[in-house]
Amino acid sequence: MSRVHNMSYHFYSHVANMALFST
């Protein structure tokens, strides 16, 4: 697992969390 992939996953998770809170 590369660090870039980990960062991308973390970013996606953060966006998903924001969307959930927005709903």
PDB file of N, CA and C in Angstrom:
ATOM      1  N   MET A   1       0.853  -1.201   0.000  1.00  0.00           N
ATOM      2  CA  MET A   1       0.000   0.000   0.000  1.00  0.00           C
ATOM      3  C   MET A   1       0.889   1.253   0.000  1.00  0.00           C
ATOM      4  N   SER A   2       0.762   2.038  -1.032  1.00  0.00           N
ATOM      5  CA  SER A   2       1.604   3.237  -1.119  1.00  0.00           C
ATOM      6  C   SER A   2       1.039   4.373  -0.280  1.00  0.00           C
ATOM      7  N   ARG A   3       1.906   5.316   0.062  1.00  0.00           N
ATOM      8  CA  ARG A   3       1.470   6.449   0.889  1.00  0.00           C
ATOM      9  C   ARG A   3       0.464   7.309   0.118  1.00  0.00           C
ATOM     10  N   VAL A   4       0.673   7.436  -1.175  1.00  0.00           N
ATOM     11  CA  VAL A   4      -0.235   8.253  -1.997  1.00  0.00           C
ATOM     12  C   VAL A   4      -1.650   7.689  -1.927  1.00  0.00           C
ATOM     13  N   HIS A   5      -1.750   6.371  -2.024  1.00  0.00           N
ATOM     14  CA  HIS A   5      -3.073   5.730  -1.963  1.00  0.00           C
ATOM     15  C   HIS A   5      -3.700   5.967  -0.595  1.00  0.00           C
ATOM     16  N   ASN A   6      -2.887   5.878   0.449  1.00  0.00           N
ATOM     17  CA  ASN A   6      -3.388   6.090   1.807  1.00  0.00           C
ATOM     18  C   ASN A   6      -3.926   7.510   1.956  1.00  0.00           C
ATOM     19  N   MET A   7      -3.184   8.474   1.406  1.00  0.00           N
ATOM     20  CA  MET A   7      -3.620   9.877   1.488  1.00  0.00           C
ATOM     21  C   MET A   7      -4.920  10.070   0.729  1.00  0.00           C
ATOM     22  N   SER A   8      -5.003   9.462  -0.446  1.00  0.00           N
ATOM     23  CA  SER A   8      -6.205   9.589  -1.276  1.00  0.00           C
ATOM     24  C   SER A   8      -7.400   8.986  -0.529  1.00  0.00           C
ATOM     25  N   TYR A   9      -7.185   7.832   0.103  1.00  0.00           N
ATOM     26  CA  TYR A   9      -8.258   7.177   0.850  1.00  0.00           C
ATOM     27  C   TYR A   9      -8.705   8.056   2.015  1.00  0.00           C
ATOM     28  N   HIS A  10      -7.740   8.657   2.699  1.00  0.00           N
ATOM     29  CA  HIS A  10      -8.058   9.513   3.844  1.00  0.00           C
ATOM     30  C   HIS A  10      -8.864  10.720   3.377  1.00  0.00           C
ATOM     31  N   PHE A  11      -8.450  11.296   2.245  1.00  0.00           N
ATOM     32  CA  PHE A  11      -9.151  12.466   1.704  1.00  0.00           C
ATOM     33  C   PHE A  11     -10.579  12.096   1.338  1.00  0.00           C
ATOM     34  N   TYR A  12     -10.740  10.955   0.688  1.00  0.00           N
ATOM     35  CA  TYR A  12     -12.076  10.493   0.287  1.00  0.00           C
ATOM     36  C   TYR A  12     -12.949  10.267   1.523  1.00  0.00           C
ATOM     37  N   SER A  13     -12.349   9.691   2.550  1.00  0.00           N
ATOM     38  CA  SER A  13     -13.087   9.430   3.789  1.00  0.00           C
ATOM     39  C   SER A  13     -13.538  10.757   4.408  1.00  0.00           C
ATOM     40  N   HIS A  14     -12.660  11.754   4.372  1.00  0.00           N
ATOM     41  CA  HIS A  14     -12.992  13.055   4.940  1.00  0.00           C
ATOM     42  C   HIS A  14     -14.156  13.674   4.172  1.00  0.00           C
ATOM     43  N   VAL A  15     -14.109  13.602   2.858  1.00  0.00           N
ATOM     44  CA  VAL A  15     -15.186  14.154   2.020  1.00  0.00           C
ATOM     45  C   VAL A  15     -16.501  13.437   2.328  1.00  0.00           C
ATOM     46  N   ALA A  16     -16.431  12.123   2.466  1.00  0.00           N
ATOM     47  CA  ALA A  16     -17.636  11.344   2.751  1.00  0.00           C
ATOM     48  C   ALA A  16     -18.210  11.765   4.103  1.00  0.00           C
ATOM     49  N   ASN A  17     -17.330  11.987   5.076  1.00  0.00           N
ATOM     50  CA  ASN A  17     -17.786  12.399   6.404  1.00  0.00           C
ATOM     51  C   ASN A  17     -18.495  13.749   6.326  1.00  0.00           C
ATOM     52  N   MET A  18     -17.914  14.684   5.568  1.00  0.00           N
ATOM     53  CA  MET A  18     -18.510  16.009   5.428  1.00  0.00           C
ATOM     54  C   MET A  18     -19.891  15.896   4.777  1.00  0.00           C
ATOM     55  N   ALA A  19     -19.991  15.051   3.772  1.00  0.00           N
ATOM     56  CA  ALA A  19     -21.264  14.870   3.071  1.00  0.00           C
ATOM     57  C   ALA A  19     -22.308  14.310   4.034  1.00  0.00           C
ATOM     58  N   LEU A  20     -21.891  13.364   4.868  1.00  0.00           N
ATOM     59  CA  LEU A  20     -22.830  12.771   5.824  1.00  0.00           C
ATOM     60  C   LEU A  20     -23.317  13.829   6.810  1.00  0.00           C
ATOM     61  N   PHE A  21     -22.409  14.670   7.250  1.00  0.00           N
ATOM     62  CA  PHE A  21     -22.778  15.710   8.209  1.00  0.00           C
ATOM     63  C   PHE A  21     -23.685  16.745   7.559  1.00  0.00           C
ATOM     64  N   SER A  22     -23.446  16.971   6.259  1.00  0.00           N
ATOM     65  CA  SER A  22     -24.238  17.970   5.522  1.00  0.00           C
ATOM     66  C   SER A  22     -25.669  17.479   5.356  1.00  0.00           C
ATOM     67  N   THR A  23     -25.827  16.177   5.168  1.00  0.00           N
ATOM     68  CA  THR A  23     -27.163  15.629   4.940  1.00  0.00           C
ATOM     69  C   THR A  23     -28.011  15.748   6.202  1.00  0.00           C
TER      70      THR A  23
END
